[in-house]
Amino acid sequence: MKKKNLGYYLLILILGTVVGYFLSSMVNFLPPGGFKEALLRPLSFAAGPAKLDLRVINFTLGFGVNLNIVSVIGIFLVAWLFKVME
């Protein structure tokens, strides 16, 4: 088994969230109810904003992620597809 680098896992994460986004748009066609709300309930993580003032230039950095169950399913689906393709 070859050792994977960080770029491989970032690619899976990014492609998985994109697939999860498209799956979420498909779930929006379900009728309203508890099942649809449970699938689309967001779980948010955020860091920042962190400010750096150097008098000449100012930096403000922040990072946020909103995931739902369908996005996590998309990430696992892409990871599984990458494993099958190896």
N, C-alpha and C. Protein backbone atom coordinates (compact mmCIF):
# COMPACT_ATOMS: atom_id res chain seq x y z
N MET A 1 0.83 -1.18 0.00
CA MET A 1 0.00 0.00 0.00
C MET A 1 0.88 1.24 0.00
N LYS A 2 0.66 2.12 -0.98
CA LYS A 2 1.45 3.33 -1.07
C LYS A 2 0.96 4.36 -0.05
N LYS A 3 1.89 5.15 0.45
CA LYS A 3 1.52 6.21 1.38
C LYS A 3 1.00 7.40 0.57
N LYS A 4 -0.15 7.94 0.99
CA LYS A 4 -0.77 9.07 0.29
C LYS A 4 -0.28 10.38 0.90
N ASN A 5 -0.18 11.40 0.07
CA ASN A 5 0.23 12.69 0.58
C ASN A 5 -1.00 13.54 0.92
N LEU A 6 -0.77 14.70 1.47
CA LEU A 6 -1.84 15.58 1.92
C LEU A 6 -2.71 16.04 0.75
N GLY A 7 -2.12 16.26 -0.41
CA GLY A 7 -2.88 16.69 -1.59
C GLY A 7 -3.94 15.68 -2.00
N TYR A 8 -3.65 14.40 -1.85
CA TYR A 8 -4.61 13.35 -2.18
C TYR A 8 -5.85 13.46 -1.30
N TYR A 9 -5.64 13.65 -0.01
CA TYR A 9 -6.75 13.75 0.92
C TYR A 9 -7.51 15.06 0.74
N LEU A 10 -6.80 16.14 0.42
CA LEU A 10 -7.49 17.41 0.14
C LEU A 10 -8.34 17.30 -1.12
N LEU A 11 -7.86 16.59 -2.12
CA LEU A 11 -8.63 16.39 -3.34
C LEU A 11 -9.90 15.60 -3.05
N ILE A 12 -9.80 14.56 -2.24
CA ILE A 12 -10.98 13.78 -1.85
C ILE A 12 -11.96 14.67 -1.09
N LEU A 13 -11.45 15.49 -0.18
CA LEU A 13 -12.30 16.36 0.62
C LEU A 13 -13.02 17.39 -0.25
N ILE A 14 -12.30 18.01 -1.15
CA ILE A 14 -12.90 19.04 -2.01
C ILE A 14 -13.89 18.43 -2.98
N LEU A 15 -13.50 17.36 -3.67
CA LEU A 15 -14.43 16.71 -4.60
C LEU A 15 -15.64 16.13 -3.87
N GLY A 16 -15.42 15.61 -2.67
CA GLY A 16 -16.52 15.07 -1.89
C GLY A 16 -17.53 16.12 -1.48
N THR A 17 -17.06 17.30 -1.12
CA THR A 17 -17.99 18.37 -0.76
C THR A 17 -18.74 18.88 -1.98
N VAL A 18 -18.09 18.89 -3.14
CA VAL A 18 -18.78 19.29 -4.36
C VAL A 18 -19.87 18.28 -4.71
N VAL A 19 -19.54 16.99 -4.62
CA VAL A 19 -20.54 15.94 -4.87
C VAL A 19 -21.65 16.04 -3.84
N GLY A 20 -21.30 16.30 -2.58
CA GLY A 20 -22.30 16.47 -1.54
C GLY A 20 -23.21 17.65 -1.79
N TYR A 21 -22.66 18.73 -2.35
CA TYR A 21 -23.48 19.89 -2.70
C TYR A 21 -24.52 19.51 -3.75
N PHE A 22 -24.09 18.78 -4.77
CA PHE A 22 -25.05 18.38 -5.81
C PHE A 22 -26.07 17.39 -5.26
N LEU A 23 -25.66 16.50 -4.36
CA LEU A 23 -26.61 15.60 -3.73
C LEU A 23 -27.60 16.38 -2.86
N SER A 24 -27.12 17.42 -2.19
CA SER A 24 -28.02 18.26 -1.39
C SER A 24 -29.06 18.95 -2.24
N SER A 25 -28.67 19.37 -3.44
CA SER A 25 -29.65 20.00 -4.32
C SER A 25 -30.69 18.98 -4.79
N MET A 26 -30.31 17.71 -4.88
CA MET A 26 -31.28 16.67 -5.22
C MET A 26 -32.22 16.40 -4.05
N VAL A 27 -31.69 16.47 -2.83
CA VAL A 27 -32.52 16.24 -1.64
C VAL A 27 -33.56 17.35 -1.49
N ASN A 28 -33.26 18.53 -2.01
CA ASN A 28 -34.22 19.64 -1.93
C ASN A 28 -35.52 19.32 -2.65
N PHE A 29 -35.53 18.34 -3.53
CA PHE A 29 -36.75 17.97 -4.24
C PHE A 29 -37.66 17.08 -3.39
N LEU A 30 -37.16 16.58 -2.24
CA LEU A 30 -38.00 15.79 -1.35
C LEU A 30 -39.07 16.67 -0.73
N PRO A 31 -40.21 16.09 -0.36
CA PRO A 31 -41.24 16.89 0.29
C PRO A 31 -40.75 17.35 1.68
N PRO A 32 -41.27 18.48 2.15
CA PRO A 32 -40.83 18.98 3.45
C PRO A 32 -41.17 17.99 4.56
N GLY A 33 -40.30 17.92 5.54
CA GLY A 33 -40.53 17.02 6.66
C GLY A 33 -39.27 16.85 7.47
N GLY A 34 -39.37 16.02 8.48
CA GLY A 34 -38.26 15.81 9.40
C GLY A 34 -37.06 15.14 8.76
N PHE A 35 -37.31 14.20 7.83
CA PHE A 35 -36.20 13.50 7.17
C PHE A 35 -35.37 14.46 6.34
N LYS A 36 -36.03 15.31 5.57
CA LYS A 36 -35.33 16.29 4.74
C LYS A 36 -34.56 17.28 5.61
N GLU A 37 -35.18 17.74 6.69
CA GLU A 37 -34.52 18.69 7.58
C GLU A 37 -33.31 18.06 8.27
N ALA A 38 -33.40 16.77 8.63
CA ALA A 38 -32.27 16.09 9.26
C ALA A 38 -31.10 15.95 8.30
N LEU A 39 -31.39 15.67 7.04
CA LEU A 39 -30.32 15.52 6.05
C LEU A 39 -29.62 16.85 5.76
N LEU A 40 -30.37 17.94 5.81
CA LEU A 40 -29.82 19.24 5.40
C LEU A 40 -29.45 20.15 6.57
N ARG A 41 -29.57 19.68 7.81
CA ARG A 41 -29.21 20.51 8.96
C ARG A 41 -27.71 20.75 8.95
N PRO A 42 -27.29 22.03 8.94
CA PRO A 42 -25.85 22.31 8.84
C PRO A 42 -25.13 22.16 10.18
N LEU A 43 -23.89 21.73 10.09
CA LEU A 43 -22.97 21.69 11.20
C LEU A 43 -21.82 22.61 10.81
N SER A 44 -21.62 23.68 11.57
CA SER A 44 -20.67 24.72 11.17
C SER A 44 -19.43 24.70 12.06
N PHE A 45 -18.30 24.90 11.41
CA PHE A 45 -17.02 25.07 12.08
C PHE A 45 -16.42 26.37 11.55
N ALA A 46 -15.88 27.18 12.44
CA ALA A 46 -15.29 28.44 11.99
C ALA A 46 -14.08 28.78 12.84
N ALA A 47 -13.11 29.42 12.22
CA ALA A 47 -11.93 29.93 12.91
C ALA A 47 -11.67 31.33 12.38
N GLY A 48 -11.53 32.25 13.27
CA GLY A 48 -11.21 33.60 12.83
C GLY A 48 -12.31 34.57 13.19
N PRO A 49 -12.26 35.74 12.77
CA PRO A 49 -11.18 36.32 11.98
C PRO A 49 -9.96 36.66 12.84
N ALA A 50 -8.80 36.42 12.30
CA ALA A 50 -7.54 36.78 12.95
C ALA A 50 -6.98 38.00 12.22
N LYS A 51 -6.66 39.03 12.97
CA LYS A 51 -6.19 40.28 12.35
C LYS A 51 -4.71 40.49 12.62
N LEU A 52 -4.03 40.98 11.61
CA LEU A 52 -2.61 41.33 11.71
C LEU A 52 -2.45 42.72 11.12
N ASP A 53 -2.06 43.67 11.95
CA ASP A 53 -1.90 45.06 11.51
C ASP A 53 -0.42 45.41 11.53
N LEU A 54 0.15 45.65 10.36
CA LEU A 54 1.57 45.99 10.23
C LEU A 54 1.77 47.48 9.92
N ARG A 55 0.76 48.27 10.13
CA ARG A 55 0.72 49.72 9.88
C ARG A 55 0.73 50.06 8.40
N VAL A 56 1.41 49.32 7.60
CA VAL A 56 1.43 49.57 6.16
C VAL A 56 0.39 48.71 5.46
N ILE A 57 0.20 47.52 5.96
CA ILE A 57 -0.73 46.58 5.35
C ILE A 57 -1.46 45.83 6.47
N ASN A 58 -2.73 45.55 6.23
CA ASN A 58 -3.54 44.82 7.20
C ASN A 58 -3.99 43.50 6.61
N PHE A 59 -3.95 42.46 7.42
CA PHE A 59 -4.45 41.15 7.02
C PHE A 59 -5.57 40.75 7.96
N THR A 60 -6.61 40.18 7.39
CA THR A 60 -7.68 39.56 8.18
C THR A 60 -7.92 38.19 7.57
N LEU A 61 -7.72 37.16 8.36
CA LEU A 61 -7.86 35.80 7.88
C LEU A 61 -8.96 35.09 8.66
N GLY A 62 -9.73 34.29 7.96
CA GLY A 62 -10.76 33.49 8.60
C GLY A 62 -11.06 32.26 7.76
N PHE A 63 -11.70 31.30 8.39
CA PHE A 63 -11.98 30.05 7.71
C PHE A 63 -13.26 29.49 8.29
N GLY A 64 -14.15 29.02 7.43
CA GLY A 64 -15.40 28.42 7.90
C GLY A 64 -15.83 27.27 7.02
N VAL A 65 -16.45 26.27 7.63
CA VAL A 65 -16.93 25.10 6.92
C VAL A 65 -18.35 24.81 7.39
N ASN A 66 -19.26 24.62 6.45
CA ASN A 66 -20.62 24.19 6.75
C ASN A 66 -20.84 22.83 6.12
N LEU A 67 -21.08 21.83 6.95
CA LEU A 67 -21.31 20.47 6.46
C LEU A 67 -22.70 20.01 6.89
N ASN A 68 -23.26 19.13 6.09
CA ASN A 68 -24.48 18.44 6.50
C ASN A 68 -24.28 16.96 6.21
N ILE A 69 -25.27 16.16 6.57
CA ILE A 69 -25.13 14.71 6.42
C ILE A 69 -24.91 14.33 4.96
N VAL A 70 -25.60 15.01 4.05
CA VAL A 70 -25.46 14.69 2.62
C VAL A 70 -24.06 15.02 2.14
N SER A 71 -23.46 16.10 2.63
CA SER A 71 -22.08 16.43 2.26
C SER A 71 -21.11 15.37 2.75
N VAL A 72 -21.32 14.88 3.96
CA VAL A 72 -20.46 13.82 4.49
C VAL A 72 -20.61 12.54 3.67
N ILE A 73 -21.84 12.24 3.25
CA ILE A 73 -22.07 11.08 2.37
C ILE A 73 -21.32 11.27 1.06
N GLY A 74 -21.31 12.49 0.51
CA GLY A 74 -20.57 12.77 -0.71
C GLY A 74 -19.07 12.56 -0.54
N ILE A 75 -18.53 12.96 0.62
CA ILE A 75 -17.10 12.77 0.89
C ILE A 75 -16.77 11.29 0.95
N PHE A 76 -17.60 10.51 1.66
CA PHE A 76 -17.36 9.06 1.74
C PHE A 76 -17.52 8.40 0.37
N LEU A 77 -18.46 8.87 -0.44
CA LEU A 77 -18.66 8.31 -1.76
C LEU A 77 -17.43 8.54 -2.64
N VAL A 78 -16.89 9.75 -2.63
CA VAL A 78 -15.69 10.04 -3.43
C VAL A 78 -14.49 9.26 -2.91
N ALA A 79 -14.35 9.14 -1.59
CA ALA A 79 -13.24 8.36 -1.02
C ALA A 79 -13.34 6.90 -1.44
N TRP A 80 -14.56 6.36 -1.43
CA TRP A 80 -14.77 4.98 -1.84
C TRP A 80 -14.44 4.81 -3.33
N LEU A 81 -14.86 5.78 -4.17
CA LEU A 81 -14.56 5.70 -5.60
C LEU A 81 -13.05 5.76 -5.86
N PHE A 82 -12.35 6.60 -5.14
CA PHE A 82 -10.89 6.68 -5.30
C PHE A 82 -10.25 5.35 -4.90
N LYS A 83 -10.75 4.74 -3.84
CA LYS A 83 -10.19 3.46 -3.40
C LYS A 83 -10.46 2.36 -4.43
N VAL A 84 -11.65 2.36 -5.04
CA VAL A 84 -11.99 1.37 -6.05
C VAL A 84 -11.13 1.55 -7.30
N MET A 85 -10.84 2.81 -7.64
CA MET A 85 -10.07 3.09 -8.87
C MET A 85 -8.59 2.73 -8.73
N GLU A 86 -8.08 2.56 -7.51
CA GLU A 86 -6.65 2.23 -7.34
C GLU A 86 -6.31 0.86 -7.83
